[in-house]
Structure formats: structure tokens, C-alpha cells
Amino acid sequence: MALYEQQTHNLLCPCHQSQFDVSNHCAVIFGPAARPLPQLPITVDAEGYLVAQSDFLEPVGPSYWERLR
């Protein structure tokens, strides 16, 4: 869960205090996060429902999961 700041268009992660700019592909602007938030391409269908157009464009989960061991 994240907190949205409407005036700055930032998302704040309450767990680790990372901040993301939703107007710039959820780029990291502060915090321990090592990469932007994963993006899920969505659209609105004719009935007004949100529909995913494909899978996430990036890996979902903490960036440390991507480390080589």
C-alpha cells in the first residue's frame, strides 16, 4: 500500500519511505528503492472497466530478488 500526494504527484511507501514520481514512470525520487515501480499497461474498456493490456513491463518485487548469488 502507498500514500499518494496529490500536490506533488508522488507515491510514498510507508514501509521504507521511498518516494516515486507517478508523472515520470514512477521514477525513484527518494529512499532505499533501487528502481522505479513496475508498470502495468492498462486501458478503460467500453463499459468503463480497467483492463490490463499485457503483463507487467518490469519484474515485480524487491530489486534484491534480481541479484546474482
PDB file of N, CA and C in Angstrom:
ATOM      1  N   MET A   1       0.843  -1.159   0.000  1.00  0.00           N
ATOM      2  CA  MET A   1       0.000   0.000   0.000  1.00  0.00           C
ATOM      3  C   MET A   1       0.897   1.232   0.000  1.00  0.00           C
ATOM      4  N   ALA A   2       0.490   2.271  -0.701  1.00  0.00           N
ATOM      5  CA  ALA A   2       1.257   3.510  -0.779  1.00  0.00           C
ATOM      6  C   ALA A   2       0.330   4.691  -0.522  1.00  0.00           C
ATOM      7  N   LEU A   3       0.925   5.795  -0.192  1.00  0.00           N
ATOM      8  CA  LEU A   3       0.184   7.036   0.028  1.00  0.00           C
ATOM      9  C   LEU A   3       0.449   7.959  -1.147  1.00  0.00           C
ATOM     10  N   TYR A   4      -0.616   8.512  -1.739  1.00  0.00           N
ATOM     11  CA  TYR A   4      -0.480   9.407  -2.888  1.00  0.00           C
ATOM     12  C   TYR A   4      -0.556  10.847  -2.423  1.00  0.00           C
ATOM     13  N   GLU A   5       0.435  11.658  -2.829  1.00  0.00           N
ATOM     14  CA  GLU A   5       0.435  13.094  -2.544  1.00  0.00           C
ATOM     15  C   GLU A   5      -0.039  13.817  -3.802  1.00  0.00           C
ATOM     16  N   GLN A   6      -1.267  14.294  -3.781  1.00  0.00           N
ATOM     17  CA  GLN A   6      -1.881  14.870  -4.970  1.00  0.00           C
ATOM     18  C   GLN A   6      -1.148  16.113  -5.472  1.00  0.00           C
ATOM     19  N   GLN A   7      -0.644  16.954  -4.580  1.00  0.00           N
ATOM     20  CA  GLN A   7       0.015  18.194  -5.000  1.00  0.00           C
ATOM     21  C   GLN A   7       1.341  17.938  -5.705  1.00  0.00           C
ATOM     22  N   THR A   8       2.070  16.907  -5.284  1.00  0.00           N
ATOM     23  CA  THR A   8       3.382  16.632  -5.874  1.00  0.00           C
ATOM     24  C   THR A   8       3.362  15.479  -6.865  1.00  0.00           C
ATOM     25  N   HIS A   9       2.267  14.732  -6.938  1.00  0.00           N
ATOM     26  CA  HIS A   9       2.135  13.537  -7.785  1.00  0.00           C
ATOM     27  C   HIS A   9       3.142  12.463  -7.390  1.00  0.00           C
ATOM     28  N   ASN A  10       3.420  12.360  -6.101  1.00  0.00           N
ATOM     29  CA  ASN A  10       4.354  11.364  -5.599  1.00  0.00           C
ATOM     30  C   ASN A  10       3.618  10.279  -4.832  1.00  0.00           C
ATOM     31  N   LEU A  11       4.152   9.063  -4.921  1.00  0.00           N
ATOM     32  CA  LEU A  11       3.705   7.957  -4.080  1.00  0.00           C
ATOM     33  C   LEU A  11       4.744   7.764  -2.991  1.00  0.00           C
ATOM     34  N   LEU A  12       4.283   7.583  -1.770  1.00  0.00           N
ATOM     35  CA  LEU A  12       5.161   7.351  -0.637  1.00  0.00           C
ATOM     36  C   LEU A  12       4.927   5.938  -0.126  1.00  0.00           C
ATOM     37  N   CYS A  13       5.978   5.157  -0.046  1.00  0.00           N
ATOM     38  CA  CYS A  13       5.896   3.816   0.526  1.00  0.00           C
ATOM     39  C   CYS A  13       6.004   3.947   2.036  1.00  0.00           C
ATOM     40  N   PRO A  14       4.959   3.564   2.780  1.00  0.00           N
ATOM     41  CA  PRO A  14       5.004   3.719   4.234  1.00  0.00           C
ATOM     42  C   PRO A  14       5.943   2.730   4.921  1.00  0.00           C
ATOM     43  N   CYS A  15       6.361   1.678   4.232  1.00  0.00           N
ATOM     44  CA  CYS A  15       7.251   0.685   4.853  1.00  0.00           C
ATOM     45  C   CYS A  15       8.695   1.170   4.943  1.00  0.00           C
ATOM     46  N   HIS A  16       9.224   1.716   3.841  1.00  0.00           N
ATOM     47  CA  HIS A  16      10.636   2.109   3.800  1.00  0.00           C
ATOM     48  C   HIS A  16      10.845   3.569   3.414  1.00  0.00           C
ATOM     49  N   GLN A  17       9.766   4.328   3.254  1.00  0.00           N
ATOM     50  CA  GLN A  17       9.794   5.753   2.948  1.00  0.00           C
ATOM     51  C   GLN A  17      10.393   6.096   1.587  1.00  0.00           C
ATOM     52  N   SER A  18      10.422   5.167   0.664  1.00  0.00           N
ATOM     53  CA  SER A  18      10.805   5.507  -0.703  1.00  0.00           C
ATOM     54  C   SER A  18       9.706   6.367  -1.303  1.00  0.00           C
ATOM     55  N   GLN A  19      10.092   7.280  -2.191  1.00  0.00           N
ATOM     56  CA  GLN A  19       9.125   8.124  -2.884  1.00  0.00           C
ATOM     57  C   GLN A  19       9.300   7.946  -4.382  1.00  0.00           C
ATOM     58  N   PHE A  20       8.158   7.921  -5.098  1.00  0.00           N
ATOM     59  CA  PHE A  20       8.140   7.679  -6.530  1.00  0.00           C
ATOM     60  C   PHE A  20       7.332   8.769  -7.223  1.00  0.00           C
ATOM     61  N   ASP A  21       7.798   9.210  -8.393  1.00  0.00           N
ATOM     62  CA  ASP A  21       7.129  10.248  -9.178  1.00  0.00           C
ATOM     63  C   ASP A  21       6.203   9.587 -10.195  1.00  0.00           C
ATOM     64  N   VAL A  22       4.885   9.621  -9.945  1.00  0.00           N
ATOM     65  CA  VAL A  22       3.940   8.949 -10.844  1.00  0.00           C
ATOM     66  C   VAL A  22       3.818   9.648 -12.194  1.00  0.00           C
ATOM     67  N   SER A  23       4.236  10.903 -12.288  1.00  0.00           N
ATOM     68  CA  SER A  23       4.175  11.615 -13.568  1.00  0.00           C
ATOM     69  C   SER A  23       5.414  11.340 -14.422  1.00  0.00           C
ATOM     70  N   ASN A  24       6.370  10.563 -13.889  1.00  0.00           N
ATOM     71  CA  ASN A  24       7.598  10.233 -14.615  1.00  0.00           C
ATOM     72  C   ASN A  24       7.882   8.732 -14.497  1.00  0.00           C
ATOM     73  N   HIS A  25       6.924   7.909 -14.904  1.00  0.00           N
ATOM     74  CA  HIS A  25       7.069   6.449 -14.927  1.00  0.00           C
ATOM     75  C   HIS A  25       7.434   5.873 -13.564  1.00  0.00           C
ATOM     76  N   CYS A  26       6.948   6.507 -12.495  1.00  0.00           N
ATOM     77  CA  CYS A  26       7.202   6.070 -11.103  1.00  0.00           C
ATOM     78  C   CYS A  26       8.686   5.972 -10.782  1.00  0.00           C
ATOM     79  N   ALA A  27       9.445   6.945 -11.292  1.00  0.00           N
ATOM     80  CA  ALA A  27      10.879   7.006 -11.004  1.00  0.00           C
ATOM     81  C   ALA A  27      11.102   7.236  -9.514  1.00  0.00           C
ATOM     82  N   VAL A  28      12.181   6.672  -8.997  1.00  0.00           N
ATOM     83  CA  VAL A  28      12.544   6.864  -7.594  1.00  0.00           C
ATOM     84  C   VAL A  28      13.057   8.289  -7.414  1.00  0.00           C
ATOM     85  N   ILE A  29      12.480   9.011  -6.448  1.00  0.00           N
ATOM     86  CA  ILE A  29      12.988  10.347  -6.148  1.00  0.00           C
ATOM     87  C   ILE A  29      13.597  10.421  -4.753  1.00  0.00           C
ATOM     88  N   PHE A  30      13.371   9.392  -3.936  1.00  0.00           N
ATOM     89  CA  PHE A  30      13.977   9.339  -2.611  1.00  0.00           C
ATOM     90  C   PHE A  30      13.840   7.939  -2.042  1.00  0.00           C
ATOM     91  N   GLY A  31      14.824   7.538  -1.296  1.00  0.00           N
ATOM     92  CA  GLY A  31      14.685   6.335  -0.499  1.00  0.00           C
ATOM     93  C   GLY A  31      15.589   5.190  -0.873  1.00  0.00           C
ATOM     94  N   PRO A  32      15.372   4.096  -0.197  1.00  0.00           N
ATOM     95  CA  PRO A  32      16.208   2.929  -0.462  1.00  0.00           C
ATOM     96  C   PRO A  32      15.822   2.162  -1.728  1.00  0.00           C
ATOM     97  N   ALA A  33      14.688   2.459  -2.338  1.00  0.00           N
ATOM     98  CA  ALA A  33      14.289   1.737  -3.553  1.00  0.00           C
ATOM     99  C   ALA A  33      15.367   1.906  -4.617  1.00  0.00           C
ATOM    100  N   ALA A  34      15.701   0.803  -5.302  1.00  0.00           N
ATOM    101  CA  ALA A  34      16.782   0.816  -6.286  1.00  0.00           C
ATOM    102  C   ALA A  34      16.297   0.985  -7.723  1.00  0.00           C
ATOM    103  N   ARG A  35      14.983   0.926  -7.928  1.00  0.00           N
ATOM    104  CA  ARG A  35      14.459   1.052  -9.297  1.00  0.00           C
ATOM    105  C   ARG A  35      13.033   1.582  -9.245  1.00  0.00           C
ATOM    106  N   PRO A  36      12.518   2.061 -10.393  1.00  0.00           N
ATOM    107  CA  PRO A  36      11.130   2.537 -10.431  1.00  0.00           C
ATOM    108  C   PRO A  36      10.146   1.406 -10.140  1.00  0.00           C
ATOM    109  N   LEU A  37       8.921   1.790  -9.834  1.00  0.00           N
ATOM    110  CA  LEU A  37       7.869   0.794  -9.629  1.00  0.00           C
ATOM    111  C   LEU A  37       7.531   0.107 -10.950  1.00  0.00           C
ATOM    112  N   PRO A  38       7.199  -1.179 -10.931  1.00  0.00           N
ATOM    113  CA  PRO A  38       6.801  -1.880 -12.151  1.00  0.00           C
ATOM    114  C   PRO A  38       5.547  -1.241 -12.756  1.00  0.00           C
ATOM    115  N   GLN A  39       5.494  -1.208 -14.075  1.00  0.00           N
ATOM    116  CA  GLN A  39       4.376  -0.600 -14.787  1.00  0.00           C
ATOM    117  C   GLN A  39       3.471  -1.689 -15.366  1.00  0.00           C
ATOM    118  N   LEU A  40       2.171  -1.500 -15.229  1.00  0.00           N
ATOM    119  CA  LEU A  40       1.176  -2.404 -15.800  1.00  0.00           C
ATOM    120  C   LEU A  40       0.351  -1.599 -16.795  1.00  0.00           C
ATOM    121  N   PRO A  41       0.529  -1.846 -18.108  1.00  0.00           N
ATOM    122  CA  PRO A  41      -0.241  -1.105 -19.103  1.00  0.00           C
ATOM    123  C   PRO A  41      -1.732  -1.417 -18.969  1.00  0.00           C
ATOM    124  N   ILE A  42      -2.533  -0.383 -18.766  1.00  0.00           N
ATOM    125  CA  ILE A  42      -3.980  -0.572 -18.622  1.00  0.00           C
ATOM    126  C   ILE A  42      -4.723   0.356 -19.564  1.00  0.00           C
ATOM    127  N   THR A  43      -5.969   0.010 -19.805  1.00  0.00           N
ATOM    128  CA  THR A  43      -6.862   0.834 -20.607  1.00  0.00           C
ATOM    129  C   THR A  43      -8.248   0.748 -19.974  1.00  0.00           C
ATOM    130  N   VAL A  44      -9.142   1.585 -20.424  1.00  0.00           N
ATOM    131  CA  VAL A  44     -10.533   1.555 -19.973  1.00  0.00           C
ATOM    132  C   VAL A  44     -11.365   1.018 -21.131  1.00  0.00           C
ATOM    133  N   ASP A  45     -12.136  -0.045 -20.872  1.00  0.00           N
ATOM    134  CA  ASP A  45     -12.943  -0.617 -21.946  1.00  0.00           C
ATOM    135  C   ASP A  45     -14.233   0.185 -22.144  1.00  0.00           C
ATOM    136  N   ALA A  46     -15.048  -0.237 -23.093  1.00  0.00           N
ATOM    137  CA  ALA A  46     -16.270   0.485 -23.451  1.00  0.00           C
ATOM    138  C   ALA A  46     -17.261   0.584 -22.295  1.00  0.00           C
ATOM    139  N   GLU A  47     -17.186  -0.342 -21.339  1.00  0.00           N
ATOM    140  CA  GLU A  47     -18.095  -0.328 -20.194  1.00  0.00           C
ATOM    141  C   GLU A  47     -17.514   0.408 -18.990  1.00  0.00           C
ATOM    142  N   GLY A  48     -16.301   0.950 -19.145  1.00  0.00           N
ATOM    143  CA  GLY A  48     -15.690   1.714 -18.065  1.00  0.00           C
ATOM    144  C   GLY A  48     -14.814   0.917 -17.117  1.00  0.00           C
ATOM    145  N   TYR A  49     -14.542  -0.342 -17.454  1.00  0.00           N
ATOM    146  CA  TYR A  49     -13.684  -1.179 -16.609  1.00  0.00           C
ATOM    147  C   TYR A  49     -12.217  -0.984 -16.973  1.00  0.00           C
ATOM    148  N   LEU A  50     -11.341  -1.042 -15.962  1.00  0.00           N
ATOM    149  CA  LEU A  50      -9.904  -1.045 -16.213  1.00  0.00           C
ATOM    150  C   LEU A  50      -9.504  -2.440 -16.666  1.00  0.00           C
ATOM    151  N   VAL A  51      -8.733  -2.514 -17.757  1.00  0.00           N
ATOM    152  CA  VAL A  51      -8.322  -3.790 -18.323  1.00  0.00           C
ATOM    153  C   VAL A  51      -6.813  -3.753 -18.565  1.00  0.00           C
ATOM    154  N   ALA A  52      -6.103  -4.776 -18.087  1.00  0.00           N
ATOM    155  CA  ALA A  52      -4.666  -4.877 -18.349  1.00  0.00           C
ATOM    156  C   ALA A  52      -4.453  -5.212 -19.816  1.00  0.00           C
ATOM    157  N   GLN A  53      -3.553  -4.474 -20.470  1.00  0.00           N
ATOM    158  CA  GLN A  53      -3.259  -4.707 -21.881  1.00  0.00           C
ATOM    159  C   GLN A  53      -2.190  -5.776 -22.076  1.00  0.00           C
ATOM    160  N   SER A  54      -1.375  -5.992 -21.066  1.00  0.00           N
ATOM    161  CA  SER A  54      -0.334  -7.020 -21.105  1.00  0.00           C
ATOM    162  C   SER A  54       0.112  -7.279 -19.674  1.00  0.00           C
ATOM    163  N   ASP A  55       1.170  -8.043 -19.530  1.00  0.00           N
ATOM    164  CA  ASP A  55       1.734  -8.297 -18.212  1.00  0.00           C
ATOM    165  C   ASP A  55       2.557  -7.079 -17.783  1.00  0.00           C
ATOM    166  N   PHE A  56       3.076  -7.100 -16.554  1.00  0.00           N
ATOM    167  CA  PHE A  56       3.953  -6.030 -16.100  1.00  0.00           C
ATOM    168  C   PHE A  56       5.152  -5.923 -17.031  1.00  0.00           C
ATOM    169  N   LEU A  57       5.632  -4.705 -17.249  1.00  0.00           N
ATOM    170  CA  LEU A  57       6.756  -4.476 -18.145  1.00  0.00           C
ATOM    171  C   LEU A  57       8.096  -4.749 -17.468  1.00  0.00           C
ATOM    172  N   GLU A  58       8.128  -4.725 -16.143  1.00  0.00           N
ATOM    173  CA  GLU A  58       9.344  -4.965 -15.372  1.00  0.00           C
ATOM    174  C   GLU A  58       9.055  -6.056 -14.340  1.00  0.00           C
ATOM    175  N   PRO A  59      10.109  -6.602 -13.732  1.00  0.00           N
ATOM    176  CA  PRO A  59       9.890  -7.582 -12.664  1.00  0.00           C
ATOM    177  C   PRO A  59       9.157  -6.951 -11.483  1.00  0.00           C
ATOM    178  N   VAL A  60       8.282  -7.715 -10.864  1.00  0.00           N
ATOM    179  CA  VAL A  60       7.548  -7.258  -9.687  1.00  0.00           C
ATOM    180  C   VAL A  60       8.242  -7.825  -8.452  1.00  0.00           C
ATOM    181  N   GLY A  61       8.406  -6.997  -7.443  1.00  0.00           N
ATOM    182  CA  GLY A  61       9.043  -7.429  -6.204  1.00  0.00           C
ATOM    183  C   GLY A  61      10.277  -6.603  -5.920  1.00  0.00           C
ATOM    184  N   PRO A  62      10.911  -6.852  -4.789  1.00  0.00           N
ATOM    185  CA  PRO A  62      12.092  -6.084  -4.413  1.00  0.00           C
ATOM    186  C   PRO A  62      13.238  -6.294  -5.400  1.00  0.00           C
ATOM    187  N   SER A  63      14.032  -5.256  -5.608  1.00  0.00           N
ATOM    188  CA  SER A  63      15.137  -5.357  -6.564  1.00  0.00           C
ATOM    189  C   SER A  63      16.192  -6.353  -6.116  1.00  0.00           C
ATOM    190  N   TYR A  64      16.301  -6.624  -4.817  1.00  0.00           N
ATOM    191  CA  TYR A  64      17.322  -7.579  -4.380  1.00  0.00           C
ATOM    192  C   TYR A  64      17.012  -8.998  -4.849  1.00  0.00           C
ATOM    193  N   TRP A  65      15.776  -9.275  -5.259  1.00  0.00           N
ATOM    194  CA  TRP A  65      15.454 -10.590  -5.813  1.00  0.00           C
ATOM    195  C   TRP A  65      16.193 -10.827  -7.121  1.00  0.00           C
ATOM    196  N   GLU A  66      16.609  -9.749  -7.792  1.00  0.00           N
ATOM    197  CA  GLU A  66      17.271  -9.853  -9.089  1.00  0.00           C
ATOM    198  C   GLU A  66      18.782 -10.030  -8.961  1.00  0.00           C
ATOM    199  N   ARG A  67      19.332  -9.998  -7.745  1.00  0.00           N
ATOM    200  CA  ARG A  67      20.780 -10.131  -7.550  1.00  0.00           C
ATOM    201  C   ARG A  67      21.251 -11.515  -7.954  1.00  0.00           C
ATOM    202  N   LEU A  68      22.457 -11.546  -8.489  1.00  0.00           N
ATOM    203  CA  LEU A  68      23.094 -12.831  -8.768  1.00  0.00           C
ATOM    204  C   LEU A  68      23.699 -13.341  -7.474  1.00  0.00           C
ATOM    205  N   ARG A  69      23.593 -14.607  -7.240  1.00  0.00           N
ATOM    206  CA  ARG A  69      24.119 -15.171  -5.986  1.00  0.00           C
ATOM    207  C   ARG A  69      25.424 -15.854  -6.196  1.00  0.00           C
TER     208      ARG A  69
END
